[in-house]
Amino acid sequence: MKETTFSAPAGPLALSRAGGNLLALTHIYTSTLVLGIGALFGMLQGFSRANFITMPASFDYYRMLTAHGVLMALVFTTFFITGLFTYCVYESIPRVRSLTLGWIGYCTMLVGTIMTTVVILAGNATVLYTFYAPLKASPYFYFGATLLVLGTWCVAFDLIGNVIWFKRRNPSERIPLPAFLAVTTMIMWLIATLGVVAEMALLIPWSLGWTPGVNVELTRMLFW
């Protein structure tokens, strides 16, 4: 019986897959780190609420609550999903157009996350679960949250662009199913996050003191 051997891909194909895997893993590792930090805040929040521990006044219950909710419900899920979809596209398409926009998206998301986390821990954004008006946070919190969303847009445009690039060069081939599902979901994400961007257009001027008030029901509806 003839023995069959398989060799690893070489050249541009190997480089594109290695670069795509590195980008995807960076998203996943970041989401895992955020999950651990958010879980720690949740545990401290629970122990504080049950009077098992007494936290210092500089790190009160609502600060932990906001950090826990934002990091676990928004940041963790966002980084994990973008990492998963990046892997789906870059692994299923033989060659990719470029990694530049993908890295720009990741860095933008990371800067936004760091900005919001620092503001929360400084006690300038105790707005509970998300961006709940009439509770007002520092403008830097809203700027950071906006950067997080805009970073996901960069990731979405990168994935969509690579699928279009693949289809133009292979018009007779079907888009690989993992890439098709990832891009379809990211298009839905782009549509859904238009409401968040519209909400930020109301909250940022309000937090800067440029407007006397904000429509609370409208901002919550836009977010959800």
N, C-alpha and C. Protein backbone atom coordinates (compact mmCIF):
# COMPACT_ATOMS: atom_id res chain seq x y z
N MET A 1 0.85 -1.19 0.00
CA MET A 1 0.00 0.00 0.00
C MET A 1 0.88 1.24 0.00
N LYS A 2 0.54 2.15 -0.88
CA LYS A 2 1.32 3.36 -1.00
C LYS A 2 1.00 4.30 0.15
N GLU A 3 2.03 4.79 0.78
CA GLU A 3 1.84 5.68 1.91
C GLU A 3 1.61 7.11 1.42
N THR A 4 0.61 7.76 1.98
CA THR A 4 0.29 9.13 1.59
C THR A 4 0.80 10.08 2.66
N THR A 5 1.50 11.09 2.23
CA THR A 5 2.03 12.08 3.17
C THR A 5 1.42 13.44 2.88
N PHE A 6 1.23 14.18 3.90
CA PHE A 6 0.66 15.52 3.77
C PHE A 6 1.70 16.54 4.23
N SER A 7 1.88 17.55 3.44
CA SER A 7 2.84 18.60 3.78
C SER A 7 2.11 19.87 4.15
N ALA A 8 2.69 20.65 5.01
CA ALA A 8 2.10 21.91 5.42
C ALA A 8 2.14 22.90 4.28
N PRO A 9 1.15 23.77 4.16
CA PRO A 9 1.16 24.77 3.11
C PRO A 9 2.35 25.70 3.26
N ALA A 10 2.83 26.16 2.13
CA ALA A 10 4.01 27.01 2.12
C ALA A 10 3.71 28.28 1.35
N GLY A 11 4.62 29.25 1.49
CA GLY A 11 4.49 30.47 0.71
C GLY A 11 3.42 31.40 1.23
N PRO A 12 2.85 32.21 0.33
CA PRO A 12 1.85 33.20 0.74
C PRO A 12 0.64 32.60 1.46
N LEU A 13 0.24 31.36 1.05
CA LEU A 13 -0.90 30.73 1.70
C LEU A 13 -0.63 30.48 3.17
N ALA A 14 0.56 29.95 3.47
CA ALA A 14 0.91 29.69 4.87
C ALA A 14 1.02 30.99 5.65
N LEU A 15 1.59 32.02 5.02
CA LEU A 15 1.73 33.30 5.70
C LEU A 15 0.37 33.92 5.99
N SER A 16 -0.56 33.83 5.03
CA SER A 16 -1.87 34.43 5.23
C SER A 16 -2.62 33.72 6.35
N ARG A 17 -2.53 32.39 6.40
CA ARG A 17 -3.21 31.64 7.46
C ARG A 17 -2.57 31.91 8.81
N ALA A 18 -1.24 31.98 8.84
CA ALA A 18 -0.56 32.25 10.11
C ALA A 18 -0.91 33.64 10.62
N GLY A 19 -0.92 34.63 9.72
CA GLY A 19 -1.28 35.98 10.14
C GLY A 19 -2.72 36.08 10.59
N GLY A 20 -3.61 35.39 9.87
CA GLY A 20 -5.02 35.39 10.26
C GLY A 20 -5.25 34.71 11.59
N ASN A 21 -4.54 33.59 11.80
CA ASN A 21 -4.67 32.88 13.08
C ASN A 21 -4.15 33.73 14.24
N LEU A 22 -3.05 34.44 14.00
CA LEU A 22 -2.51 35.31 15.05
C LEU A 22 -3.50 36.41 15.41
N LEU A 23 -4.10 37.03 14.41
CA LEU A 23 -5.08 38.09 14.66
C LEU A 23 -6.29 37.55 15.41
N ALA A 24 -6.78 36.39 14.97
CA ALA A 24 -7.95 35.79 15.63
C ALA A 24 -7.63 35.42 17.07
N LEU A 25 -6.45 34.83 17.30
CA LEU A 25 -6.08 34.44 18.66
C LEU A 25 -5.88 35.66 19.56
N THR A 26 -5.40 36.75 18.99
CA THR A 26 -5.24 37.97 19.78
C THR A 26 -6.60 38.45 20.28
N HIS A 27 -7.62 38.40 19.42
CA HIS A 27 -8.97 38.74 19.85
C HIS A 27 -9.45 37.80 20.96
N ILE A 28 -9.24 36.50 20.76
CA ILE A 28 -9.73 35.50 21.71
C ILE A 28 -9.03 35.64 23.05
N TYR A 29 -7.71 35.80 23.03
CA TYR A 29 -6.96 35.94 24.28
C TYR A 29 -7.39 37.21 25.02
N THR A 30 -7.64 38.29 24.27
CA THR A 30 -8.09 39.53 24.91
C THR A 30 -9.45 39.33 25.56
N SER A 31 -10.35 38.63 24.85
CA SER A 31 -11.68 38.38 25.41
C SER A 31 -11.59 37.51 26.66
N THR A 32 -10.67 36.55 26.67
CA THR A 32 -10.50 35.68 27.84
C THR A 32 -9.98 36.47 29.04
N LEU A 33 -9.03 37.38 28.78
CA LEU A 33 -8.51 38.23 29.85
C LEU A 33 -9.61 39.12 30.42
N VAL A 34 -10.41 39.70 29.53
CA VAL A 34 -11.51 40.57 29.96
C VAL A 34 -12.53 39.76 30.76
N LEU A 35 -12.79 38.53 30.34
CA LEU A 35 -13.73 37.67 31.06
C LEU A 35 -13.26 37.43 32.49
N GLY A 36 -11.96 37.17 32.65
CA GLY A 36 -11.43 36.94 33.99
C GLY A 36 -11.53 38.17 34.87
N ILE A 37 -11.22 39.34 34.31
CA ILE A 37 -11.31 40.59 35.09
C ILE A 37 -12.76 40.88 35.44
N GLY A 38 -13.66 40.72 34.47
CA GLY A 38 -15.08 40.97 34.74
C GLY A 38 -15.64 40.01 35.78
N ALA A 39 -15.21 38.75 35.72
CA ALA A 39 -15.67 37.77 36.71
C ALA A 39 -15.17 38.11 38.10
N LEU A 40 -13.94 38.63 38.19
CA LEU A 40 -13.39 39.05 39.47
C LEU A 40 -14.24 40.17 40.07
N PHE A 41 -14.58 41.15 39.24
CA PHE A 41 -15.43 42.24 39.72
C PHE A 41 -16.80 41.72 40.15
N GLY A 42 -17.33 40.75 39.42
CA GLY A 42 -18.62 40.18 39.79
C GLY A 42 -18.56 39.46 41.12
N MET A 43 -17.47 38.74 41.36
CA MET A 43 -17.32 38.03 42.63
C MET A 43 -17.20 39.03 43.78
N LEU A 44 -16.38 40.07 43.60
CA LEU A 44 -16.23 41.09 44.64
C LEU A 44 -17.56 41.81 44.89
N GLN A 45 -18.28 42.04 43.82
CA GLN A 45 -19.58 42.70 43.93
C GLN A 45 -20.54 41.85 44.76
N GLY A 46 -20.58 40.55 44.49
CA GLY A 46 -21.45 39.65 45.25
C GLY A 46 -21.07 39.55 46.71
N PHE A 47 -19.76 39.42 46.99
CA PHE A 47 -19.30 39.33 48.37
C PHE A 47 -19.59 40.63 49.12
N SER A 48 -19.43 41.76 48.42
CA SER A 48 -19.70 43.05 49.05
C SER A 48 -21.18 43.19 49.36
N ARG A 49 -22.02 42.76 48.43
CA ARG A 49 -23.47 42.86 48.63
C ARG A 49 -23.94 41.97 49.78
N ALA A 50 -23.27 40.82 49.94
CA ALA A 50 -23.65 39.89 51.00
C ALA A 50 -22.96 40.21 52.33
N ASN A 51 -22.20 41.30 52.36
CA ASN A 51 -21.48 41.73 53.57
C ASN A 51 -20.43 40.73 54.03
N PHE A 52 -19.90 39.93 53.07
CA PHE A 52 -18.81 39.03 53.41
C PHE A 52 -17.48 39.79 53.47
N ILE A 53 -17.38 40.83 52.68
CA ILE A 53 -16.18 41.66 52.68
C ILE A 53 -16.61 43.12 52.67
N THR A 54 -15.71 43.97 53.07
CA THR A 54 -15.97 45.40 53.03
C THR A 54 -14.94 46.05 52.11
N MET A 55 -15.43 46.56 50.99
CA MET A 55 -14.53 47.18 50.02
C MET A 55 -14.23 48.62 50.45
N PRO A 56 -13.07 49.15 50.09
CA PRO A 56 -12.76 50.54 50.43
C PRO A 56 -13.72 51.50 49.75
N ALA A 57 -13.87 52.67 50.32
CA ALA A 57 -14.80 53.66 49.76
C ALA A 57 -14.43 54.07 48.35
N SER A 58 -13.14 53.96 48.03
CA SER A 58 -12.69 54.35 46.69
C SER A 58 -13.03 53.30 45.64
N PHE A 59 -13.57 52.15 46.08
CA PHE A 59 -13.94 51.09 45.13
C PHE A 59 -15.30 50.54 45.55
N ASP A 60 -16.32 51.34 45.36
CA ASP A 60 -17.64 51.03 45.88
C ASP A 60 -18.38 50.00 45.04
N TYR A 61 -19.55 49.62 45.51
CA TYR A 61 -20.36 48.57 44.88
C TYR A 61 -20.73 48.92 43.45
N TYR A 62 -21.18 50.15 43.21
CA TYR A 62 -21.65 50.51 41.88
C TYR A 62 -20.51 50.60 40.87
N ARG A 63 -19.33 50.89 41.33
CA ARG A 63 -18.17 50.88 40.43
C ARG A 63 -17.89 49.45 39.98
N MET A 64 -17.94 48.51 40.93
CA MET A 64 -17.74 47.10 40.57
C MET A 64 -18.86 46.60 39.67
N LEU A 65 -20.09 47.03 39.94
CA LEU A 65 -21.23 46.61 39.15
C LEU A 65 -21.09 47.06 37.70
N THR A 66 -20.69 48.31 37.50
CA THR A 66 -20.52 48.83 36.15
C THR A 66 -19.39 48.11 35.43
N ALA A 67 -18.26 47.93 36.12
CA ALA A 67 -17.13 47.24 35.50
C ALA A 67 -17.49 45.81 35.13
N HIS A 68 -18.18 45.13 36.02
CA HIS A 68 -18.60 43.75 35.76
C HIS A 68 -19.54 43.67 34.56
N GLY A 69 -20.54 44.53 34.51
CA GLY A 69 -21.51 44.47 33.43
C GLY A 69 -20.93 44.84 32.09
N VAL A 70 -20.16 45.92 32.05
CA VAL A 70 -19.60 46.38 30.78
C VAL A 70 -18.57 45.39 30.24
N LEU A 71 -17.68 44.92 31.10
CA LEU A 71 -16.62 44.03 30.64
C LEU A 71 -17.15 42.67 30.19
N MET A 72 -18.09 42.11 30.94
CA MET A 72 -18.56 40.76 30.61
C MET A 72 -19.65 40.76 29.56
N ALA A 73 -20.58 41.70 29.63
CA ALA A 73 -21.71 41.67 28.70
C ALA A 73 -21.37 42.31 27.36
N LEU A 74 -20.47 43.28 27.36
CA LEU A 74 -20.17 44.00 26.12
C LEU A 74 -18.78 43.66 25.57
N VAL A 75 -17.75 43.89 26.37
CA VAL A 75 -16.39 43.76 25.86
C VAL A 75 -16.01 42.31 25.59
N PHE A 76 -16.25 41.43 26.55
CA PHE A 76 -15.91 40.01 26.36
C PHE A 76 -16.59 39.42 25.14
N THR A 77 -17.90 39.59 25.06
CA THR A 77 -18.64 38.99 23.94
C THR A 77 -18.20 39.59 22.60
N THR A 78 -17.92 40.89 22.58
CA THR A 78 -17.54 41.53 21.33
C THR A 78 -16.20 41.02 20.83
N PHE A 79 -15.19 40.98 21.69
CA PHE A 79 -13.88 40.49 21.28
C PHE A 79 -13.93 39.02 20.89
N PHE A 80 -14.71 38.22 21.60
CA PHE A 80 -14.79 36.80 21.27
C PHE A 80 -15.43 36.59 19.90
N ILE A 81 -16.50 37.32 19.63
CA ILE A 81 -17.19 37.15 18.35
C ILE A 81 -16.32 37.62 17.19
N THR A 82 -15.68 38.78 17.35
CA THR A 82 -14.82 39.26 16.26
C THR A 82 -13.65 38.31 16.04
N GLY A 83 -13.12 37.73 17.11
CA GLY A 83 -12.04 36.76 16.95
C GLY A 83 -12.51 35.50 16.24
N LEU A 84 -13.67 35.00 16.62
CA LEU A 84 -14.22 33.80 15.99
C LEU A 84 -14.49 34.03 14.51
N PHE A 85 -15.09 35.15 14.17
CA PHE A 85 -15.42 35.43 12.77
C PHE A 85 -14.16 35.71 11.95
N THR A 86 -13.17 36.32 12.57
CA THR A 86 -11.90 36.52 11.87
C THR A 86 -11.28 35.18 11.51
N TYR A 87 -11.32 34.26 12.44
CA TYR A 87 -10.78 32.91 12.17
C TYR A 87 -11.58 32.23 11.06
N CYS A 88 -12.91 32.34 11.11
CA CYS A 88 -13.75 31.68 10.10
C CYS A 88 -13.42 32.17 8.70
N VAL A 89 -13.23 33.47 8.55
CA VAL A 89 -12.96 34.03 7.23
C VAL A 89 -11.54 33.74 6.79
N TYR A 90 -10.58 34.00 7.63
CA TYR A 90 -9.18 33.86 7.23
C TYR A 90 -8.77 32.40 7.06
N GLU A 91 -9.44 31.50 7.75
CA GLU A 91 -9.10 30.09 7.63
C GLU A 91 -9.79 29.45 6.43
N SER A 92 -10.99 29.89 6.08
CA SER A 92 -11.73 29.24 5.00
C SER A 92 -11.43 29.82 3.62
N ILE A 93 -10.94 31.05 3.57
CA ILE A 93 -10.54 31.64 2.29
C ILE A 93 -9.05 31.39 2.10
N PRO A 94 -8.64 30.79 0.95
CA PRO A 94 -7.24 30.39 0.77
C PRO A 94 -6.25 31.53 0.98
N ARG A 95 -6.52 32.66 0.40
CA ARG A 95 -5.64 33.81 0.58
C ARG A 95 -6.47 35.02 0.95
N VAL A 96 -5.89 35.90 1.72
CA VAL A 96 -6.61 37.09 2.16
C VAL A 96 -5.99 38.32 1.53
N ARG A 97 -6.81 39.35 1.42
CA ARG A 97 -6.38 40.58 0.77
C ARG A 97 -5.30 41.28 1.57
N SER A 98 -5.57 41.52 2.84
CA SER A 98 -4.64 42.23 3.71
C SER A 98 -5.08 42.06 5.16
N LEU A 99 -4.10 42.15 6.06
CA LEU A 99 -4.39 42.08 7.49
C LEU A 99 -4.45 43.45 8.15
N THR A 100 -4.14 44.49 7.38
CA THR A 100 -3.99 45.82 7.96
C THR A 100 -5.26 46.32 8.63
N LEU A 101 -6.38 46.27 7.91
CA LEU A 101 -7.62 46.78 8.46
C LEU A 101 -8.07 45.96 9.66
N GLY A 102 -7.81 44.65 9.64
CA GLY A 102 -8.16 43.81 10.78
C GLY A 102 -7.40 44.23 12.04
N TRP A 103 -6.10 44.52 11.89
CA TRP A 103 -5.32 44.96 13.05
C TRP A 103 -5.72 46.35 13.51
N ILE A 104 -6.08 47.22 12.57
CA ILE A 104 -6.58 48.54 12.94
C ILE A 104 -7.85 48.40 13.78
N GLY A 105 -8.74 47.50 13.36
CA GLY A 105 -9.97 47.26 14.11
C GLY A 105 -9.68 46.76 15.51
N TYR A 106 -8.76 45.80 15.63
CA TYR A 106 -8.44 45.27 16.96
C TYR A 106 -7.86 46.36 17.86
N CYS A 107 -6.91 47.13 17.34
CA CYS A 107 -6.27 48.17 18.15
C CYS A 107 -7.28 49.24 18.57
N THR A 108 -8.21 49.58 17.68
CA THR A 108 -9.24 50.56 18.02
C THR A 108 -10.13 50.03 19.14
N MET A 109 -10.51 48.75 19.04
CA MET A 109 -11.32 48.14 20.10
C MET A 109 -10.57 48.12 21.42
N LEU A 110 -9.27 47.80 21.36
CA LEU A 110 -8.47 47.71 22.58
C LEU A 110 -8.34 49.08 23.25
N VAL A 111 -8.07 50.12 22.46
CA VAL A 111 -7.96 51.47 23.02
C VAL A 111 -9.27 51.90 23.66
N GLY A 112 -10.39 51.61 22.98
CA GLY A 112 -11.70 51.94 23.55
C GLY A 112 -11.97 51.21 24.84
N THR A 113 -11.58 49.94 24.90
CA THR A 113 -11.78 49.14 26.12
C THR A 113 -10.97 49.68 27.28
N ILE A 114 -9.70 49.97 27.03
CA ILE A 114 -8.83 50.51 28.08
C ILE A 114 -9.36 51.85 28.57
N MET A 115 -9.81 52.69 27.65
CA MET A 115 -10.32 54.00 28.03
C MET A 115 -11.54 53.88 28.93
N THR A 116 -12.49 53.03 28.54
CA THR A 116 -13.70 52.88 29.35
C THR A 116 -13.38 52.25 30.71
N THR A 117 -12.48 51.27 30.73
CA THR A 117 -12.15 50.60 31.99
C THR A 117 -11.49 51.56 32.97
N VAL A 118 -10.57 52.37 32.48
CA VAL A 118 -9.89 53.34 33.34
C VAL A 118 -10.89 54.34 33.92
N VAL A 119 -11.81 54.81 33.08
CA VAL A 119 -12.81 55.77 33.55
C VAL A 119 -13.72 55.14 34.60
N ILE A 120 -14.12 53.88 34.37
CA ILE A 120 -14.97 53.19 35.34
C ILE A 120 -14.25 53.02 36.67
N LEU A 121 -13.01 52.55 36.63
CA LEU A 121 -12.26 52.31 37.86
C LEU A 121 -11.93 53.61 38.59
N ALA A 122 -11.89 54.71 37.85
CA ALA A 122 -11.65 56.01 38.48
C ALA A 122 -12.91 56.55 39.14
N GLY A 123 -14.03 55.86 38.95
CA GLY A 123 -15.27 56.28 39.58
C GLY A 123 -16.02 57.35 38.81
N ASN A 124 -15.68 57.53 37.53
CA ASN A 124 -16.32 58.57 36.72
C ASN A 124 -17.33 58.00 35.73
N ALA A 125 -17.74 56.75 35.94
CA ALA A 125 -18.70 56.16 35.00
C ALA A 125 -19.51 55.06 35.70
N THR A 126 -20.07 55.38 36.85
CA THR A 126 -20.91 54.40 37.55
C THR A 126 -22.33 54.47 36.99
N VAL A 127 -22.47 53.98 35.76
CA VAL A 127 -23.75 54.07 35.05
C VAL A 127 -24.43 52.70 34.98
N LEU A 128 -24.12 51.84 35.97
CA LEU A 128 -24.73 50.51 36.05
C LEU A 128 -24.38 49.66 34.85
N TYR A 129 -25.39 49.05 34.21
CA TYR A 129 -25.12 47.96 33.27
C TYR A 129 -24.44 48.44 31.99
N THR A 130 -24.97 49.51 31.40
CA THR A 130 -24.40 49.95 30.13
C THR A 130 -24.30 51.47 30.08
N PHE A 131 -25.13 52.11 29.26
CA PHE A 131 -25.08 53.57 29.13
C PHE A 131 -26.43 54.12 29.55
N TYR A 132 -26.79 53.88 30.78
CA TYR A 132 -28.15 54.17 31.20
C TYR A 132 -28.33 55.62 31.66
N ALA A 133 -28.83 56.46 30.77
CA ALA A 133 -29.29 57.78 31.19
C ALA A 133 -30.56 57.58 32.04
N PRO A 134 -30.79 58.48 33.00
CA PRO A 134 -30.15 59.78 33.21
C PRO A 134 -28.86 59.75 34.01
N LEU A 135 -28.31 58.56 34.32
CA LEU A 135 -26.99 58.51 34.94
C LEU A 135 -25.96 58.98 33.93
N LYS A 136 -25.13 59.92 34.33
CA LYS A 136 -24.18 60.52 33.39
C LYS A 136 -22.76 60.08 33.72
N ALA A 137 -22.04 59.68 32.69
CA ALA A 137 -20.64 59.29 32.85
C ALA A 137 -19.73 60.36 32.25
N SER A 138 -18.44 60.20 32.49
CA SER A 138 -17.46 61.08 31.88
C SER A 138 -17.52 60.94 30.35
N PRO A 139 -17.27 62.02 29.62
CA PRO A 139 -17.25 61.92 28.15
C PRO A 139 -16.27 60.87 27.66
N TYR A 140 -15.19 60.65 28.40
CA TYR A 140 -14.19 59.66 27.97
C TYR A 140 -14.76 58.24 27.98
N PHE A 141 -15.70 57.99 28.85
CA PHE A 141 -16.37 56.68 28.85
C PHE A 141 -17.13 56.47 27.55
N TYR A 142 -17.87 57.48 27.14
CA TYR A 142 -18.65 57.37 25.90
C TYR A 142 -17.73 57.35 24.67
N PHE A 143 -16.64 58.10 24.73
CA PHE A 143 -15.68 58.05 23.64
C PHE A 143 -15.07 56.65 23.52
N GLY A 144 -14.74 56.06 24.67
CA GLY A 144 -14.18 54.71 24.65
C GLY A 144 -15.15 53.69 24.11
N ALA A 145 -16.42 53.78 24.55
CA ALA A 145 -17.44 52.85 24.05
C ALA A 145 -17.65 53.03 22.55
N THR A 146 -17.58 54.27 22.08
CA THR A 146 -17.71 54.52 20.65
C THR A 146 -16.56 53.91 19.88
N LEU A 147 -15.35 54.03 20.41
CA LEU A 147 -14.19 53.42 19.74
C LEU A 147 -14.32 51.91 19.67
N LEU A 148 -14.87 51.31 20.74
CA LEU A 148 -15.08 49.86 20.73
C LEU A 148 -15.99 49.46 19.58
N VAL A 149 -17.09 50.19 19.40
CA VAL A 149 -18.03 49.88 18.32
C VAL A 149 -17.40 50.15 16.97
N LEU A 150 -16.73 51.29 16.83
CA LEU A 150 -16.11 51.61 15.54
C LEU A 150 -15.02 50.61 15.18
N GLY A 151 -14.34 50.06 16.20
CA GLY A 151 -13.36 49.02 15.93
C GLY A 151 -13.99 47.77 15.34
N THR A 152 -15.17 47.42 15.84
CA THR A 152 -15.87 46.26 15.26
C THR A 152 -16.30 46.55 13.82
N TRP A 153 -16.58 47.79 13.51
CA TRP A 153 -16.91 48.14 12.12
C TRP A 153 -15.70 47.90 11.22
N CYS A 154 -14.51 48.26 11.70
CA CYS A 154 -13.30 48.00 10.92
C CYS A 154 -13.13 46.50 10.68
N VAL A 155 -13.37 45.70 11.72
CA VAL A 155 -13.29 44.25 11.57
C VAL A 155 -14.31 43.77 10.54
N ALA A 156 -15.53 44.29 10.63
CA ALA A 156 -16.58 43.88 9.70
C ALA A 156 -16.22 44.23 8.26
N PHE A 157 -15.74 45.44 8.03
CA PHE A 157 -15.36 45.85 6.68
C PHE A 157 -14.18 45.05 6.17
N ASP A 158 -13.28 44.67 7.07
CA ASP A 158 -12.14 43.84 6.68
C ASP A 158 -12.61 42.47 6.21
N LEU A 159 -13.51 41.84 6.97
CA LEU A 159 -14.00 40.51 6.61
C LEU A 159 -14.83 40.56 5.33
N ILE A 160 -15.70 41.56 5.23
CA ILE A 160 -16.52 41.71 4.02
C ILE A 160 -15.63 41.95 2.81
N GLY A 161 -14.61 42.80 2.99
CA GLY A 161 -13.71 43.10 1.89
C GLY A 161 -12.96 41.87 1.42
N ASN A 162 -12.54 41.02 2.35
CA ASN A 162 -11.82 39.81 1.96
C ASN A 162 -12.72 38.82 1.23
N VAL A 163 -13.97 38.74 1.63
CA VAL A 163 -14.91 37.85 0.93
C VAL A 163 -15.18 38.37 -0.48
N ILE A 164 -15.36 39.68 -0.61
CA ILE A 164 -15.55 40.27 -1.94
C ILE A 164 -14.32 40.05 -2.80
N TRP A 165 -13.16 40.23 -2.22
CA TRP A 165 -11.89 40.00 -2.92
C TRP A 165 -11.80 38.55 -3.42
N PHE A 166 -12.19 37.62 -2.56
CA PHE A 166 -12.16 36.20 -2.94
C PHE A 166 -13.14 35.93 -4.08
N LYS A 167 -14.35 36.47 -3.98
CA LYS A 167 -15.38 36.20 -4.98
C LYS A 167 -15.02 36.78 -6.33
N ARG A 168 -14.41 37.94 -6.37
CA ARG A 168 -14.02 38.54 -7.64
C ARG A 168 -12.96 37.72 -8.35
N ARG A 169 -12.11 37.05 -7.59
CA ARG A 169 -11.06 36.25 -8.19
C ARG A 169 -11.48 34.80 -8.42
N ASN A 170 -12.60 34.42 -7.83
CA ASN A 170 -13.12 33.07 -8.02
C ASN A 170 -14.63 33.14 -8.27
N PRO A 171 -15.04 33.73 -9.38
CA PRO A 171 -16.48 33.95 -9.61
C PRO A 171 -17.29 32.67 -9.72
N SER A 172 -16.64 31.57 -10.10
CA SER A 172 -17.38 30.32 -10.28
C SER A 172 -17.47 29.51 -8.99
N GLU A 173 -16.75 29.92 -7.95
CA GLU A 173 -16.75 29.17 -6.69
C GLU A 173 -17.71 29.80 -5.69
N ARG A 174 -18.27 28.94 -4.85
CA ARG A 174 -19.12 29.44 -3.78
C ARG A 174 -18.29 29.98 -2.63
N ILE A 175 -18.84 30.97 -1.95
CA ILE A 175 -18.17 31.47 -0.76
C ILE A 175 -18.18 30.37 0.30
N PRO A 176 -17.05 30.05 0.89
CA PRO A 176 -17.03 29.01 1.94
C PRO A 176 -18.06 29.32 3.03
N LEU A 177 -18.73 28.29 3.50
CA LEU A 177 -19.83 28.48 4.45
C LEU A 177 -19.41 29.23 5.71
N PRO A 178 -18.26 28.91 6.36
CA PRO A 178 -17.89 29.67 7.56
C PRO A 178 -17.72 31.17 7.27
N ALA A 179 -17.11 31.49 6.13
CA ALA A 179 -16.93 32.90 5.77
C ALA A 179 -18.27 33.56 5.47
N PHE A 180 -19.15 32.84 4.80
CA PHE A 180 -20.48 33.38 4.47
C PHE A 180 -21.27 33.69 5.74
N LEU A 181 -21.25 32.76 6.70
CA LEU A 181 -21.99 32.97 7.95
C LEU A 181 -21.39 34.12 8.75
N ALA A 182 -20.05 34.21 8.79
CA ALA A 182 -19.41 35.27 9.54
C ALA A 182 -19.75 36.64 8.96
N VAL A 183 -19.66 36.77 7.64
CA VAL A 183 -19.92 38.06 6.99
C VAL A 183 -21.39 38.43 7.11
N THR A 184 -22.29 37.46 6.97
CA THR A 184 -23.72 37.74 7.11
C THR A 184 -24.03 38.28 8.50
N THR A 185 -23.44 37.65 9.51
CA THR A 185 -23.67 38.10 10.88
C THR A 185 -23.09 39.49 11.12
N MET A 186 -21.91 39.76 10.55
CA MET A 186 -21.30 41.07 10.73
C MET A 186 -22.11 42.16 10.03
N ILE A 187 -22.75 41.84 8.92
CA ILE A 187 -23.63 42.82 8.27
C ILE A 187 -24.81 43.14 9.18
N MET A 188 -25.37 42.10 9.81
CA MET A 188 -26.45 42.32 10.78
C MET A 188 -25.95 43.17 11.96
N TRP A 189 -24.71 42.93 12.37
CA TRP A 189 -24.12 43.71 13.47
C TRP A 189 -23.99 45.18 13.09
N LEU A 190 -23.55 45.45 11.85
CA LEU A 190 -23.42 46.83 11.39
C LEU A 190 -24.76 47.55 11.45
N ILE A 191 -25.80 46.85 11.03
CA ILE A 191 -27.14 47.46 11.06
C ILE A 191 -27.59 47.69 12.50
N ALA A 192 -27.35 46.70 13.37
CA ALA A 192 -27.81 46.80 14.75
C ALA A 192 -27.09 47.90 15.52
N THR A 193 -25.79 48.08 15.27
CA THR A 193 -25.03 49.06 16.05
C THR A 193 -25.22 50.48 15.55
N LEU A 194 -25.97 50.67 14.49
CA LEU A 194 -26.32 52.04 14.10
C LEU A 194 -27.08 52.74 15.22
N GLY A 195 -27.89 51.98 15.96
CA GLY A 195 -28.62 52.55 17.08
C GLY A 195 -27.70 53.01 18.20
N VAL A 196 -26.63 52.23 18.46
CA VAL A 196 -25.68 52.61 19.50
C VAL A 196 -24.94 53.89 19.11
N VAL A 197 -24.55 53.98 17.85
CA VAL A 197 -23.87 55.18 17.38
C VAL A 197 -24.80 56.40 17.48
N ALA A 198 -26.07 56.19 17.14
CA ALA A 198 -27.04 57.29 17.26
C ALA A 198 -27.21 57.70 18.72
N GLU A 199 -27.19 56.70 19.62
CA GLU A 199 -27.29 57.01 21.05
C GLU A 199 -26.10 57.83 21.51
N MET A 200 -24.90 57.46 21.05
CA MET A 200 -23.71 58.20 21.44
C MET A 200 -23.75 59.64 20.94
N ALA A 201 -24.38 59.84 19.79
CA ALA A 201 -24.51 61.20 19.26
C ALA A 201 -25.36 62.07 20.19
N LEU A 202 -26.18 61.43 21.02
CA LEU A 202 -26.97 62.17 22.01
C LEU A 202 -26.26 62.27 23.36
N LEU A 203 -25.59 61.18 23.77
CA LEU A 203 -24.98 61.15 25.09
C LEU A 203 -23.70 61.96 25.18
N ILE A 204 -22.89 61.96 24.13
CA ILE A 204 -21.61 62.67 24.19
C ILE A 204 -21.81 64.18 24.35
N PRO A 205 -22.65 64.84 23.53
CA PRO A 205 -22.88 66.28 23.78
C PRO A 205 -23.47 66.56 25.16
N TRP A 206 -24.32 65.67 25.63
CA TRP A 206 -24.92 65.83 26.96
C TRP A 206 -23.86 65.73 28.05
N SER A 207 -22.94 64.74 27.92
CA SER A 207 -21.89 64.57 28.93
C SER A 207 -20.89 65.72 28.91
N LEU A 208 -20.74 66.36 27.76
CA LEU A 208 -19.83 67.50 27.65
C LEU A 208 -20.48 68.80 28.11
N GLY A 209 -21.77 68.74 28.42
CA GLY A 209 -22.47 69.93 28.88
C GLY A 209 -22.95 70.83 27.77
N TRP A 210 -22.95 70.32 26.53
CA TRP A 210 -23.38 71.12 25.39
C TRP A 210 -24.90 71.17 25.27
N THR A 211 -25.58 70.17 25.85
CA THR A 211 -27.05 70.14 25.84
C THR A 211 -27.54 70.03 27.28
N PRO A 212 -28.69 70.64 27.60
CA PRO A 212 -29.16 70.66 29.00
C PRO A 212 -29.69 69.32 29.48
N GLY A 213 -30.11 68.45 28.57
CA GLY A 213 -30.69 67.17 28.99
C GLY A 213 -30.67 66.18 27.85
N VAL A 214 -31.26 65.01 28.10
CA VAL A 214 -31.29 63.95 27.10
C VAL A 214 -32.60 63.18 27.24
N ASN A 215 -33.11 62.68 26.14
CA ASN A 215 -34.33 61.88 26.14
C ASN A 215 -33.97 60.47 26.61
N VAL A 216 -34.31 60.14 27.85
CA VAL A 216 -33.90 58.87 28.45
C VAL A 216 -34.49 57.69 27.70
N GLU A 217 -35.78 57.71 27.43
CA GLU A 217 -36.41 56.58 26.76
C GLU A 217 -35.84 56.36 25.36
N LEU A 218 -35.56 57.46 24.67
CA LEU A 218 -35.01 57.34 23.32
C LEU A 218 -33.63 56.70 23.34
N THR A 219 -32.77 57.13 24.28
CA THR A 219 -31.42 56.57 24.33
C THR A 219 -31.43 55.08 24.67
N ARG A 220 -32.32 54.67 25.57
CA ARG A 220 -32.38 53.24 25.92
C ARG A 220 -32.93 52.42 24.76
N MET A 221 -33.89 52.99 24.05
CA MET A 221 -34.45 52.28 22.89
C MET A 221 -33.38 52.12 21.81
N LEU A 222 -32.60 53.18 21.58
CA LEU A 222 -31.54 53.10 20.57
C LEU A 222 -30.50 52.06 20.94
N PHE A 223 -30.17 51.98 22.24
CA PHE A 223 -29.17 50.99 22.64
C PHE A 223 -29.67 49.57 22.42
N TRP A 224 -30.84 49.28 22.94
CA TRP A 224 -31.32 47.90 22.87
C TRP A 224 -31.77 47.53 21.48
